[in-house]
PDB file of N, CA and C in Angstrom:
ATOM      1  N   MET A   1     -11.665 -72.098  28.773  1.00  0.00           N
ATOM      2  CA  MET A   1     -10.772 -70.799  28.931  1.00  0.00           C
ATOM      3  C   MET A   1     -10.481 -70.549  30.104  1.00  0.00           C
ATOM      4  N   GLN A   2      -9.157 -70.067  30.244  1.00  0.00           N
ATOM      5  CA  GLN A   2      -8.416 -69.809  31.195  1.00  0.00           C
ATOM      6  C   GLN A   2      -8.338 -68.500  31.530  1.00  0.00           C
ATOM      7  N   ARG A   3      -8.951 -67.888  32.683  1.00  0.00           N
ATOM      8  CA  ARG A   3      -8.677 -66.610  32.864  1.00  0.00           C
ATOM      9  C   ARG A   3      -7.331 -65.950  33.666  1.00  0.00           C
ATOM     10  N   TYR A   4      -6.643 -64.787  33.215  1.00  0.00           N
ATOM     11  CA  TYR A   4      -5.637 -64.820  33.516  1.00  0.00           C
ATOM     12  C   TYR A   4      -5.757 -63.106  34.515  1.00  0.00           C
ATOM     13  N   CYS A   5      -5.086 -62.692  35.529  1.00  0.00           N
ATOM     14  CA  CYS A   5      -5.040 -61.692  36.281  1.00  0.00           C
ATOM     15  C   CYS A   5      -4.173 -61.161  36.689  1.00  0.00           C
ATOM     16  N   ILE A   6      -3.229 -60.053  36.987  1.00  0.00           N
ATOM     17  CA  ILE A   6      -2.119 -59.455  37.170  1.00  0.00           C
ATOM     18  C   ILE A   6      -2.425 -58.854  38.242  1.00  0.00           C
ATOM     19  N   ILE A   7      -1.736 -59.365  39.805  1.00  0.00           N
ATOM     20  CA  ILE A   7      -2.541 -57.918  40.928  1.00  0.00           C
ATOM     21  C   ILE A   7      -0.524 -57.549  40.852  1.00  0.00           C
ATOM     22  N   PHE A   8      -1.022 -56.140  41.098  1.00  0.00           N
ATOM     23  CA  PHE A   8       0.616 -55.600  41.719  1.00  0.00           C
ATOM     24  C   PHE A   8       0.122 -55.289  43.413  1.00  0.00           C
ATOM     25  N   LEU A   9       1.502 -55.328  43.934  1.00  0.00           N
ATOM     26  CA  LEU A   9       1.218 -55.170  45.325  1.00  0.00           C
ATOM     27  C   LEU A   9       2.426 -54.160  45.592  1.00  0.00           C
ATOM     28  N   LEU A  10       2.383 -52.886  45.987  1.00  0.00           N
ATOM     29  CA  LEU A  10       3.187 -52.065  46.066  1.00  0.00           C
ATOM     30  C   LEU A  10       3.532 -52.098  47.674  1.00  0.00           C
ATOM     31  N   LEU A  11       3.399 -52.876  48.853  1.00  0.00           N
ATOM     32  CA  LEU A  11       3.416 -52.181  50.418  1.00  0.00           C
ATOM     33  C   LEU A  11       4.873 -53.015  50.263  1.00  0.00           C
ATOM     34  N   SER A  12       5.559 -53.664  50.110  1.00  0.00           N
ATOM     35  CA  SER A  12       6.764 -54.470  50.803  1.00  0.00           C
ATOM     36  C   SER A  12       7.873 -53.783  49.758  1.00  0.00           C
ATOM     37  N   GLY A  13       9.275 -54.169  51.066  1.00  0.00           N
ATOM     38  CA  GLY A  13      10.400 -53.479  50.418  1.00  0.00           C
ATOM     39  C   GLY A  13      11.438 -54.684  50.826  1.00  0.00           C
ATOM     40  N   ALA A  14      12.854 -54.492  50.671  1.00  0.00           N
ATOM     41  CA  ALA A  14      13.405 -55.847  50.529  1.00  0.00           C
ATOM     42  C   ALA A  14      13.502 -57.047  52.176  1.00  0.00           C
ATOM     43  N   THR A  15      13.302 -56.548  52.853  1.00  0.00           N
ATOM     44  CA  THR A  15      13.045 -56.920  54.378  1.00  0.00           C
ATOM     45  C   THR A  15      11.790 -57.273  54.361  1.00  0.00           C
ATOM     46  N   THR A  16      10.670 -57.016  53.638  1.00  0.00           N
ATOM     47  CA  THR A  16       9.034 -57.711  54.270  1.00  0.00           C
ATOM     48  C   THR A  16       8.928 -58.428  52.920  1.00  0.00           C
ATOM     49  N   PHE A  17       9.807 -58.415  51.575  1.00  0.00           N
ATOM     50  CA  PHE A  17       9.343 -58.799  50.579  1.00  0.00           C
ATOM     51  C   PHE A  17       9.043 -60.473  50.520  1.00  0.00           C
ATOM     52  N   PRO A  18      10.358 -60.891  51.427  1.00  0.00           N
ATOM     53  CA  PRO A  18      10.032 -62.758  51.406  1.00  0.00           C
ATOM     54  C   PRO A  18       8.425 -63.086  51.940  1.00  0.00           C
ATOM     55  N   GLY A  19       7.945 -62.698  52.984  1.00  0.00           N
ATOM     56  CA  GLY A  19       6.731 -62.291  53.354  1.00  0.00           C
ATOM     57  C   GLY A  19       5.608 -62.115  52.311  1.00  0.00           C
ATOM     58  N   LEU A  20       5.630 -61.287  51.551  1.00  0.00           N
ATOM     59  CA  LEU A  20       4.743 -61.377  50.459  1.00  0.00           C
ATOM     60  C   LEU A  20       4.914 -61.949  49.533  1.00  0.00           C
ATOM     61  N   ARG A  21       6.226 -62.820  49.228  1.00  0.00           N
ATOM     62  CA  ARG A  21       6.254 -63.941  48.339  1.00  0.00           C
ATOM     63  C   ARG A  21       5.582 -65.064  49.392  1.00  0.00           C
ATOM     64  N   LYS A  22       5.794 -65.235  50.490  1.00  0.00           N
ATOM     65  CA  LYS A  22       5.055 -66.615  50.838  1.00  0.00           C
ATOM     66  C   LYS A  22       3.962 -66.600  51.050  1.00  0.00           C
ATOM     67  N   PHE A  23       3.478 -65.747  51.729  1.00  0.00           N
ATOM     68  CA  PHE A  23       2.093 -65.631  52.172  1.00  0.00           C
ATOM     69  C   PHE A  23       1.012 -64.706  51.124  1.00  0.00           C
ATOM     70  N   ILE A  24       1.251 -64.652  50.487  1.00  0.00           N
ATOM     71  CA  ILE A  24       0.641 -64.204  49.335  1.00  0.00           C
ATOM     72  C   ILE A  24       1.130 -64.458  47.968  1.00  0.00           C
ATOM     73  N   ALA A  25       1.986 -64.816  47.213  1.00  0.00           N
ATOM     74  CA  ALA A  25       2.289 -65.053  46.082  1.00  0.00           C
ATOM     75  C   ALA A  25       2.535 -66.495  45.591  1.00  0.00           C
ATOM     76  N   ASP A  26       2.941 -67.183  46.595  1.00  0.00           N
ATOM     77  CA  ASP A  26       3.257 -68.380  46.798  1.00  0.00           C
ATOM     78  C   ASP A  26       2.012 -69.405  46.719  1.00  0.00           C
ATOM     79  N   LYS A  27       0.880 -68.624  47.424  1.00  0.00           N
ATOM     80  CA  LYS A  27      -0.740 -69.421  47.379  1.00  0.00           C
ATOM     81  C   LYS A  27      -1.556 -68.882  46.699  1.00  0.00           C
ATOM     82  N   SER A  28      -1.127 -67.713  45.432  1.00  0.00           N
ATOM     83  CA  SER A  28      -2.076 -67.133  44.883  1.00  0.00           C
ATOM     84  C   SER A  28      -1.911 -68.097  43.382  1.00  0.00           C
ATOM     85  N   GLN A  29      -3.099 -68.247  42.826  1.00  0.00           N
ATOM     86  CA  GLN A  29      -3.891 -68.788  41.931  1.00  0.00           C
ATOM     87  C   GLN A  29      -3.145 -67.998  40.520  1.00  0.00           C
ATOM     88  N   THR A  30      -3.462 -66.522  41.114  1.00  0.00           N
ATOM     89  CA  THR A  30      -2.866 -65.678  39.832  1.00  0.00           C
ATOM     90  C   THR A  30      -1.429 -65.291  39.972  1.00  0.00           C
ATOM     91  N   ARG A  31      -1.078 -64.737  38.745  1.00  0.00           N
ATOM     92  CA  ARG A  31       0.384 -64.217  38.715  1.00  0.00           C
ATOM     93  C   ARG A  31       0.315 -62.925  39.610  1.00  0.00           C
ATOM     94  N   VAL A  32       1.480 -62.820  40.602  1.00  0.00           N
ATOM     95  CA  VAL A  32       1.716 -61.968  41.215  1.00  0.00           C
ATOM     96  C   VAL A  32       2.766 -61.151  41.072  1.00  0.00           C
ATOM     97  N   LEU A  33       2.920 -59.851  40.550  1.00  0.00           N
ATOM     98  CA  LEU A  33       3.984 -58.965  40.455  1.00  0.00           C
ATOM     99  C   LEU A  33       4.007 -57.497  41.140  1.00  0.00           C
ATOM    100  N   SER A  34       5.409 -57.517  41.644  1.00  0.00           N
ATOM    101  CA  SER A  34       5.231 -56.246  42.474  1.00  0.00           C
ATOM    102  C   SER A  34       6.509 -55.050  41.951  1.00  0.00           C
ATOM    103  N   LEU A  35       6.171 -53.936  42.312  1.00  0.00           N
ATOM    104  CA  LEU A  35       7.113 -52.875  42.682  1.00  0.00           C
ATOM    105  C   LEU A  35       7.536 -52.481  44.061  1.00  0.00           C
ATOM    106  N   LEU A  36       8.925 -53.103  44.228  1.00  0.00           N
ATOM    107  CA  LEU A  36       9.203 -53.182  45.441  1.00  0.00           C
ATOM    108  C   LEU A  36      10.156 -51.706  46.105  1.00  0.00           C
ATOM    109  N   HIS A  37       9.928 -51.539  47.352  1.00  0.00           N
ATOM    110  CA  HIS A  37       9.394 -50.189  47.882  1.00  0.00           C
ATOM    111  C   HIS A  37      11.020 -50.114  48.392  1.00  0.00           C
ATOM    112  N   ILE A  38      12.138 -48.946  47.737  1.00  0.00           N
ATOM    113  CA  ILE A  38      12.753 -48.474  47.841  1.00  0.00           C
ATOM    114  C   ILE A  38      13.304 -48.419  49.446  1.00  0.00           C
ATOM    115  N   ALA A  39      12.390 -47.887  50.473  1.00  0.00           N
ATOM    116  CA  ALA A  39      12.696 -48.115  52.020  1.00  0.00           C
ATOM    117  C   ALA A  39      12.514 -49.824  52.708  1.00  0.00           C
ATOM    118  N   ALA A  40      13.749 -50.394  53.064  1.00  0.00           N
ATOM    119  CA  ALA A  40      13.743 -51.589  53.447  1.00  0.00           C
ATOM    120  C   ALA A  40      12.519 -52.507  54.181  1.00  0.00           C
ATOM    121  N   HIS A  41      11.614 -51.438  54.510  1.00  0.00           N
ATOM    122  CA  HIS A  41      10.518 -52.195  55.116  1.00  0.00           C
ATOM    123  C   HIS A  41       9.410 -51.880  54.481  1.00  0.00           C
ATOM    124  N   GLY A  42       9.065 -51.192  53.130  1.00  0.00           N
ATOM    125  CA  GLY A  42       8.439 -50.614  52.353  1.00  0.00           C
ATOM    126  C   GLY A  42       7.233 -50.053  53.633  1.00  0.00           C
ATOM    127  N   LEU A  43       5.783 -50.132  53.262  1.00  0.00           N
ATOM    128  CA  LEU A  43       4.852 -49.559  53.864  1.00  0.00           C
ATOM    129  C   LEU A  43       4.205 -50.187  55.204  1.00  0.00           C
ATOM    130  N   ALA A  44       5.547 -50.947  55.621  1.00  0.00           N
ATOM    131  CA  ALA A  44       4.797 -51.912  57.022  1.00  0.00           C
ATOM    132  C   ALA A  44       4.673 -50.921  58.182  1.00  0.00           C
ATOM    133  N   ALA A  45       5.134 -50.052  58.584  1.00  0.00           N
ATOM    134  CA  ALA A  45       5.215 -49.275  59.969  1.00  0.00           C
ATOM    135  C   ALA A  45       5.479 -47.514  59.012  1.00  0.00           C
ATOM    136  N   THR A  46       4.387 -47.113  58.527  1.00  0.00           N
ATOM    137  CA  THR A  46       4.555 -45.622  58.289  1.00  0.00           C
ATOM    138  C   THR A  46       3.489 -45.068  58.408  1.00  0.00           C
ATOM    139  N   GLY A  47       3.494 -43.997  58.355  1.00  0.00           N
ATOM    140  CA  GLY A  47       1.718 -42.996  58.673  1.00  0.00           C
ATOM    141  C   GLY A  47       0.887 -43.523  57.882  1.00  0.00           C
ATOM    142  N   CYS A  48       1.224 -44.178  56.834  1.00  0.00           N
ATOM    143  CA  CYS A  48      -0.165 -44.117  56.039  1.00  0.00           C
ATOM    144  C   CYS A  48      -1.241 -45.589  56.536  1.00  0.00           C
ATOM    145  N   THR A  49      -0.178 -46.219  57.479  1.00  0.00           N
ATOM    146  CA  THR A  49      -0.848 -47.040  57.710  1.00  0.00           C
ATOM    147  C   THR A  49      -1.823 -46.523  58.836  1.00  0.00           C
ATOM    148  N   GLY A  50      -1.744 -45.516  59.378  1.00  0.00           N
ATOM    149  CA  GLY A  50      -2.501 -45.195  60.270  1.00  0.00           C
ATOM    150  C   GLY A  50      -2.304 -45.110  61.453  1.00  0.00           C
ATOM    151  N   TRP A  51      -1.409 -45.606  61.805  1.00  0.00           N
ATOM    152  CA  TRP A  51      -0.538 -45.722  63.159  1.00  0.00           C
ATOM    153  C   TRP A  51      -0.004 -44.447  63.855  1.00  0.00           C
ATOM    154  N   VAL A  52       0.740 -43.949  62.802  1.00  0.00           N
ATOM    155  CA  VAL A  52       1.696 -42.788  63.355  1.00  0.00           C
ATOM    156  C   VAL A  52       1.796 -42.025  62.013  1.00  0.00           C
ATOM    157  N   LYS A  53       2.225 -40.708  62.579  1.00  0.00           N
ATOM    158  CA  LYS A  53       2.701 -39.728  61.714  1.00  0.00           C
ATOM    159  C   LYS A  53       4.154 -39.782  61.289  1.00  0.00           C
ATOM    160  N   GLY A  54       3.838 -39.730  60.135  1.00  0.00           N
ATOM    161  CA  GLY A  54       5.302 -39.505  59.021  1.00  0.00           C
ATOM    162  C   GLY A  54       5.223 -40.774  58.366  1.00  0.00           C
ATOM    163  N   GLY A  55       6.217 -40.797  57.204  1.00  0.00           N
ATOM    164  CA  GLY A  55       6.656 -41.587  56.341  1.00  0.00           C
ATOM    165  C   GLY A  55       8.009 -42.514  56.467  1.00  0.00           C
ATOM    166  N   GLU A  56       7.775 -43.400  55.240  1.00  0.00           N
ATOM    167  CA  GLU A  56       9.151 -44.282  55.508  1.00  0.00           C
ATOM    168  C   GLU A  56       9.723 -43.683  54.911  1.00  0.00           C
ATOM    169  N   CYS A  57       9.905 -42.603  54.247  1.00  0.00           N
ATOM    170  CA  CYS A  57      11.855 -42.183  53.588  1.00  0.00           C
ATOM    171  C   CYS A  57      11.969 -41.166  55.204  1.00  0.00           C
ATOM    172  N   ASP A  58      11.260 -41.023  55.823  1.00  0.00           N
ATOM    173  CA  ASP A  58      11.703 -39.930  56.987  1.00  0.00           C
ATOM    174  C   ASP A  58      13.063 -39.701  57.811  1.00  0.00           C
ATOM    175  N   SER A  59      13.759 -41.085  57.497  1.00  0.00           N
ATOM    176  CA  SER A  59      14.902 -41.710  58.169  1.00  0.00           C
ATOM    177  C   SER A  59      15.432 -42.126  56.598  1.00  0.00           C
ATOM    178  N   LEU A  60      16.868 -41.720  56.263  1.00  0.00           N
ATOM    179  CA  LEU A  60      17.204 -42.380  55.099  1.00  0.00           C
ATOM    180  C   LEU A  60      17.802 -43.718  55.571  1.00  0.00           C
ATOM    181  N   ASN A  61      18.074 -43.920  56.679  1.00  0.00           N
ATOM    182  CA  ASN A  61      18.711 -45.545  56.893  1.00  0.00           C
ATOM    183  C   ASN A  61      18.259 -46.449  56.346  1.00  0.00           C
ATOM    184  N   GLN A  62      16.709 -46.114  56.374  1.00  0.00           N
ATOM    185  CA  GLN A  62      15.585 -47.057  55.734  1.00  0.00           C
ATOM    186  C   GLN A  62      15.876 -47.283  54.085  1.00  0.00           C
ATOM    187  N   VAL A  63      16.428 -46.361  53.704  1.00  0.00           N
ATOM    188  CA  VAL A  63      16.120 -46.026  51.962  1.00  0.00           C
ATOM    189  C   VAL A  63      17.663 -46.844  51.933  1.00  0.00           C
ATOM    190  N   ASN A  64      17.760 -48.095  51.409  1.00  0.00           N
ATOM    191  CA  ASN A  64      18.839 -48.929  51.359  1.00  0.00           C
ATOM    192  C   ASN A  64      18.562 -49.490  49.876  1.00  0.00           C
ATOM    193  N   SER A  65      19.807 -48.954  48.725  1.00  0.00           N
ATOM    194  CA  SER A  65      19.715 -49.163  47.456  1.00  0.00           C
ATOM    195  C   SER A  65      20.045 -50.616  47.450  1.00  0.00           C
ATOM    196  N   GLU A  66      21.787 -50.739  47.780  1.00  0.00           N
ATOM    197  CA  GLU A  66      21.668 -52.349  47.746  1.00  0.00           C
ATOM    198  C   GLU A  66      20.991 -52.968  48.180  1.00  0.00           C
ATOM    199  N   LEU A  67      20.643 -53.462  49.012  1.00  0.00           N
ATOM    200  CA  LEU A  67      19.493 -54.030  49.878  1.00  0.00           C
ATOM    201  C   LEU A  67      18.242 -54.493  48.864  1.00  0.00           C
ATOM    202  N   CYS A  68      17.797 -53.134  48.495  1.00  0.00           N
ATOM    203  CA  CYS A  68      17.105 -52.923  47.017  1.00  0.00           C
ATOM    204  C   CYS A  68      17.578 -53.968  46.181  1.00  0.00           C
ATOM    205  N   VAL A  69      18.329 -53.813  45.284  1.00  0.00           N
ATOM    206  CA  VAL A  69      19.458 -54.209  44.479  1.00  0.00           C
ATOM    207  C   VAL A  69      19.442 -56.173  44.345  1.00  0.00           C
ATOM    208  N   GLU A  70      19.871 -56.098  45.411  1.00  0.00           N
ATOM    209  CA  GLU A  70      19.811 -57.543  45.915  1.00  0.00           C
ATOM    210  C   GLU A  70      18.567 -58.777  46.086  1.00  0.00           C
ATOM    211  N   CYS A  71      17.907 -57.629  46.542  1.00  0.00           N
ATOM    212  CA  CYS A  71      16.177 -58.287  46.608  1.00  0.00           C
ATOM    213  C   CYS A  71      15.723 -58.652  44.999  1.00  0.00           C
ATOM    214  N   ILE A  72      15.563 -57.147  44.761  1.00  0.00           N
ATOM    215  CA  ILE A  72      15.585 -57.681  42.897  1.00  0.00           C
ATOM    216  C   ILE A  72      16.153 -58.500  42.197  1.00  0.00           C
ATOM    217  N   ASN A  73      17.234 -58.534  42.365  1.00  0.00           N
ATOM    218  CA  ASN A  73      18.128 -59.782  41.389  1.00  0.00           C
ATOM    219  C   ASN A  73      17.585 -61.440  42.059  1.00  0.00           C
ATOM    220  N   GLN A  74      17.134 -61.088  43.371  1.00  0.00           N
ATOM    221  CA  GLN A  74      16.936 -62.477  44.216  1.00  0.00           C
ATOM    222  C   GLN A  74      15.464 -62.836  43.684  1.00  0.00           C
ATOM    223  N   ASN A  75      14.670 -62.232  43.043  1.00  0.00           N
ATOM    224  CA  ASN A  75      13.214 -61.929  42.694  1.00  0.00           C
ATOM    225  C   ASN A  75      13.010 -61.435  41.483  1.00  0.00           C
ATOM    226  N   ARG A  76      13.455 -61.710  40.395  1.00  0.00           N
ATOM    227  CA  ARG A  76      13.159 -61.107  38.946  1.00  0.00           C
ATOM    228  C   ARG A  76      12.167 -61.838  38.386  1.00  0.00           C
ATOM    229  N   ASP A  77      11.408 -62.894  39.047  1.00  0.00           N
ATOM    230  CA  ASP A  77       9.951 -63.460  38.306  1.00  0.00           C
ATOM    231  C   ASP A  77       8.852 -62.470  38.742  1.00  0.00           C
ATOM    232  N   MET A  78       8.898 -61.747  39.816  1.00  0.00           N
ATOM    233  CA  MET A  78       8.070 -60.916  40.741  1.00  0.00           C
ATOM    234  C   MET A  78       8.449 -59.312  40.558  1.00  0.00           C
ATOM    235  N   ILE A  79       9.091 -59.103  40.609  1.00  0.00           N
ATOM    236  CA  ILE A  79       9.739 -57.706  40.743  1.00  0.00           C
ATOM    237  C   ILE A  79       9.869 -57.320  39.849  1.00  0.00           C
ATOM    238  N   VAL A  80       9.361 -56.253  39.477  1.00  0.00           N
ATOM    239  CA  VAL A  80       9.144 -55.701  37.897  1.00  0.00           C
ATOM    240  C   VAL A  80       9.426 -53.949  37.908  1.00  0.00           C
ATOM    241  N   GLY A  81      10.280 -53.453  39.497  1.00  0.00           N
ATOM    242  CA  GLY A  81      10.062 -51.911  38.899  1.00  0.00           C
ATOM    243  C   GLY A  81      10.866 -51.459  40.802  1.00  0.00           C
ATOM    244  N   VAL A  82      10.942 -50.289  40.460  1.00  0.00           N
ATOM    245  CA  VAL A  82      11.127 -49.881  42.429  1.00  0.00           C
ATOM    246  C   VAL A  82      10.199 -48.547  42.295  1.00  0.00           C
ATOM    247  N   LYS A  83       9.465 -48.928  43.883  1.00  0.00           N
ATOM    248  CA  LYS A  83       8.711 -47.935  44.193  1.00  0.00           C
ATOM    249  C   LYS A  83       9.000 -46.764  44.970  1.00  0.00           C
ATOM    250  N   VAL A  84       9.483 -45.320  44.793  1.00  0.00           N
ATOM    251  CA  VAL A  84       9.373 -44.706  45.886  1.00  0.00           C
ATOM    252  C   VAL A  84       8.249 -43.632  46.256  1.00  0.00           C
ATOM    253  N   ARG A  85       8.007 -43.102  47.503  1.00  0.00           N
ATOM    254  CA  ARG A  85       6.593 -42.382  47.192  1.00  0.00           C
ATOM    255  C   ARG A  85       7.573 -41.008  47.752  1.00  0.00           C
ATOM    256  N   LEU A  86       7.701 -39.737  47.006  1.00  0.00           N
ATOM    257  CA  LEU A  86       8.253 -38.482  47.501  1.00  0.00           C
ATOM    258  C   LEU A  86       7.290 -37.204  48.078  1.00  0.00           C
ATOM    259  N   SER A  87       6.931 -37.502  49.073  1.00  0.00           N
ATOM    260  CA  SER A  87       5.785 -36.048  49.624  1.00  0.00           C
ATOM    261  C   SER A  87       6.432 -35.447  50.774  1.00  0.00           C
ATOM    262  N   ALA A  88       6.117 -34.034  51.178  1.00  0.00           N
ATOM    263  CA  ALA A  88       6.937 -33.499  52.166  1.00  0.00           C
ATOM    264  C   ALA A  88       6.095 -34.932  53.673  1.00  0.00           C
ATOM    265  N   SER A  89       4.741 -35.519  53.321  1.00  0.00           N
ATOM    266  CA  SER A  89       4.669 -36.604  54.504  1.00  0.00           C
ATOM    267  C   SER A  89       5.225 -37.704  54.519  1.00  0.00           C
ATOM    268  N   ALA A  90       6.162 -38.434  53.560  1.00  0.00           N
ATOM    269  CA  ALA A  90       6.634 -39.426  53.885  1.00  0.00           C
ATOM    270  C   ALA A  90       8.316 -39.566  53.859  1.00  0.00           C
ATOM    271  N   ALA A  91       8.480 -38.068  53.478  1.00  0.00           N
ATOM    272  CA  ALA A  91      10.046 -37.617  53.767  1.00  0.00           C
ATOM    273  C   ALA A  91      10.484 -36.631  54.058  1.00  0.00           C
ATOM    274  N   ASN A  92      10.508 -36.464  55.675  1.00  0.00           N
ATOM    275  CA  ASN A  92      10.703 -35.889  56.544  1.00  0.00           C
ATOM    276  C   ASN A  92      10.349 -34.528  55.770  1.00  0.00           C
ATOM    277  N   ASP A  93       8.946 -34.200  55.873  1.00  0.00           N
ATOM    278  CA  ASP A  93       8.423 -32.751  55.559  1.00  0.00           C
ATOM    279  C   ASP A  93       9.136 -32.501  54.532  1.00  0.00           C
ATOM    280  N   GLY A  94       9.833 -33.383  53.694  1.00  0.00           N
ATOM    281  CA  GLY A  94      10.045 -32.790  52.586  1.00  0.00           C
ATOM    282  C   GLY A  94      12.026 -33.100  52.221  1.00  0.00           C
ATOM    283  N   ALA A  95      12.463 -32.871  53.858  1.00  0.00           N
ATOM    284  CA  ALA A  95      14.007 -32.558  53.644  1.00  0.00           C
ATOM    285  C   ALA A  95      14.639 -33.959  52.812  1.00  0.00           C
ATOM    286  N   ASN A  96      13.882 -35.372  52.747  1.00  0.00           N
ATOM    287  CA  ASN A  96      14.692 -36.234  52.395  1.00  0.00           C
ATOM    288  C   ASN A  96      14.366 -36.722  51.158  1.00  0.00           C
ATOM    289  N   GLU A  97      13.468 -35.670  49.974  1.00  0.00           N
ATOM    290  CA  GLU A  97      12.922 -36.336  48.869  1.00  0.00           C
ATOM    291  C   GLU A  97      14.151 -36.209  47.974  1.00  0.00           C
ATOM    292  N   LYS A  98      14.968 -35.436  47.806  1.00  0.00           N
ATOM    293  CA  LYS A  98      16.478 -35.267  46.410  1.00  0.00           C
ATOM    294  C   LYS A  98      17.101 -36.302  46.795  1.00  0.00           C
ATOM    295  N   GLU A  99      16.896 -37.072  48.032  1.00  0.00           N
ATOM    296  CA  GLU A  99      18.601 -38.016  48.252  1.00  0.00           C
ATOM    297  C   GLU A  99      17.952 -39.232  48.434  1.00  0.00           C
ATOM    298  N   ALA A 100      16.385 -39.399  48.803  1.00  0.00           N
ATOM    299  CA  ALA A 100      15.652 -40.790  47.740  1.00  0.00           C
ATOM    300  C   ALA A 100      15.306 -40.812  46.987  1.00  0.00           C
ATOM    301  N   PHE A 101      15.355 -39.309  46.002  1.00  0.00           N
ATOM    302  CA  PHE A 101      15.227 -40.100  44.653  1.00  0.00           C
ATOM    303  C   PHE A 101      16.351 -40.300  43.822  1.00  0.00           C
ATOM    304  N   ARG A 102      17.205 -39.672  44.394  1.00  0.00           N
ATOM    305  CA  ARG A 102      18.937 -39.954  44.043  1.00  0.00           C
ATOM    306  C   ARG A 102      19.181 -41.263  44.189  1.00  0.00           C
ATOM    307  N   LEU A 103      18.900 -41.641  45.650  1.00  0.00           N
ATOM    308  CA  LEU A 103      19.397 -43.833  45.654  1.00  0.00           C
ATOM    309  C   LEU A 103      18.501 -44.260  44.901  1.00  0.00           C
ATOM    310  N   VAL A 104      17.317 -43.885  44.323  1.00  0.00           N
ATOM    311  CA  VAL A 104      16.790 -44.950  43.485  1.00  0.00           C
ATOM    312  C   VAL A 104      16.925 -44.983  42.335  1.00  0.00           C
ATOM    313  N   PHE A 105      17.036 -43.522  41.790  1.00  0.00           N
ATOM    314  CA  PHE A 105      17.206 -43.407  40.165  1.00  0.00           C
ATOM    315  C   PHE A 105      18.506 -43.645  39.809  1.00  0.00           C
ATOM    316  N   ILE A 106      19.569 -43.276  40.628  1.00  0.00           N
ATOM    317  CA  ILE A 106      21.038 -42.945  39.683  1.00  0.00           C
ATOM    318  C   ILE A 106      21.226 -44.212  40.681  1.00  0.00           C
ATOM    319  N   ARG A 107      21.515 -44.430  41.286  1.00  0.00           N
ATOM    320  CA  ARG A 107      22.363 -45.975  42.118  1.00  0.00           C
ATOM    321  C   ARG A 107      21.472 -47.461  41.917  1.00  0.00           C
ATOM    322  N   ASN A 108      20.156 -47.222  41.725  1.00  0.00           N
ATOM    323  CA  ASN A 108      19.497 -48.484  41.366  1.00  0.00           C
ATOM    324  C   ASN A 108      19.980 -48.683  39.992  1.00  0.00           C
ATOM    325  N   PHE A 109      19.451 -47.672  39.355  1.00  0.00           N
ATOM    326  CA  PHE A 109      19.718 -47.978  37.809  1.00  0.00           C
ATOM    327  C   PHE A 109      21.219 -48.537  37.452  1.00  0.00           C
ATOM    328  N   ILE A 110      22.277 -48.272  38.074  1.00  0.00           N
ATOM    329  CA  ILE A 110      23.685 -48.341  37.363  1.00  0.00           C
ATOM    330  C   ILE A 110      24.135 -49.672  38.347  1.00  0.00           C
ATOM    331  N   LEU A 111      23.658 -50.397  40.008  1.00  0.00           N
ATOM    332  CA  LEU A 111      23.965 -51.371  39.752  1.00  0.00           C
ATOM    333  C   LEU A 111      23.018 -52.648  39.716  1.00  0.00           C
ATOM    334  N   TRP A 112      21.688 -52.270  39.386  1.00  0.00           N
ATOM    335  CA  TRP A 112      20.314 -53.088  38.786  1.00  0.00           C
ATOM    336  C   TRP A 112      20.775 -53.662  37.228  1.00  0.00           C
ATOM    337  N   TYR A 113      21.610 -52.766  36.449  1.00  0.00           N
ATOM    338  CA  TYR A 113      21.668 -53.010  34.894  1.00  0.00           C
ATOM    339  C   TYR A 113      23.152 -53.314  34.606  1.00  0.00           C
ATOM    340  N   VAL A 114      23.814 -53.417  35.860  1.00  0.00           N
ATOM    341  CA  VAL A 114      25.601 -53.469  35.441  1.00  0.00           C
ATOM    342  C   VAL A 114      25.792 -55.121  35.535  1.00  0.00           C
TER     343      VAL A 114
END
């Protein structure tokens, strides 16, 4: 009997997703599915990694919905949704929460499903 396991990885953004595919998914015997982070670099260099204070949406220049949609369209076999972390610690003390949310849930769905 074969056994299956689905792994969700939530750390990659559009610019780090190729590494997730190459070093994790392509070498895995289990199916790997991912939520793509709206920040282009995902969680690769944010406060949650423990190195610096701040979050992935502190600067909205990292929130690129067009790049996100392009990555989704190129990797539909793995990407099943979009992730955005909205909290004061991740979005410039809350100043960028509304704009990050708008970029994800308005622009992405329009671009993704057209």
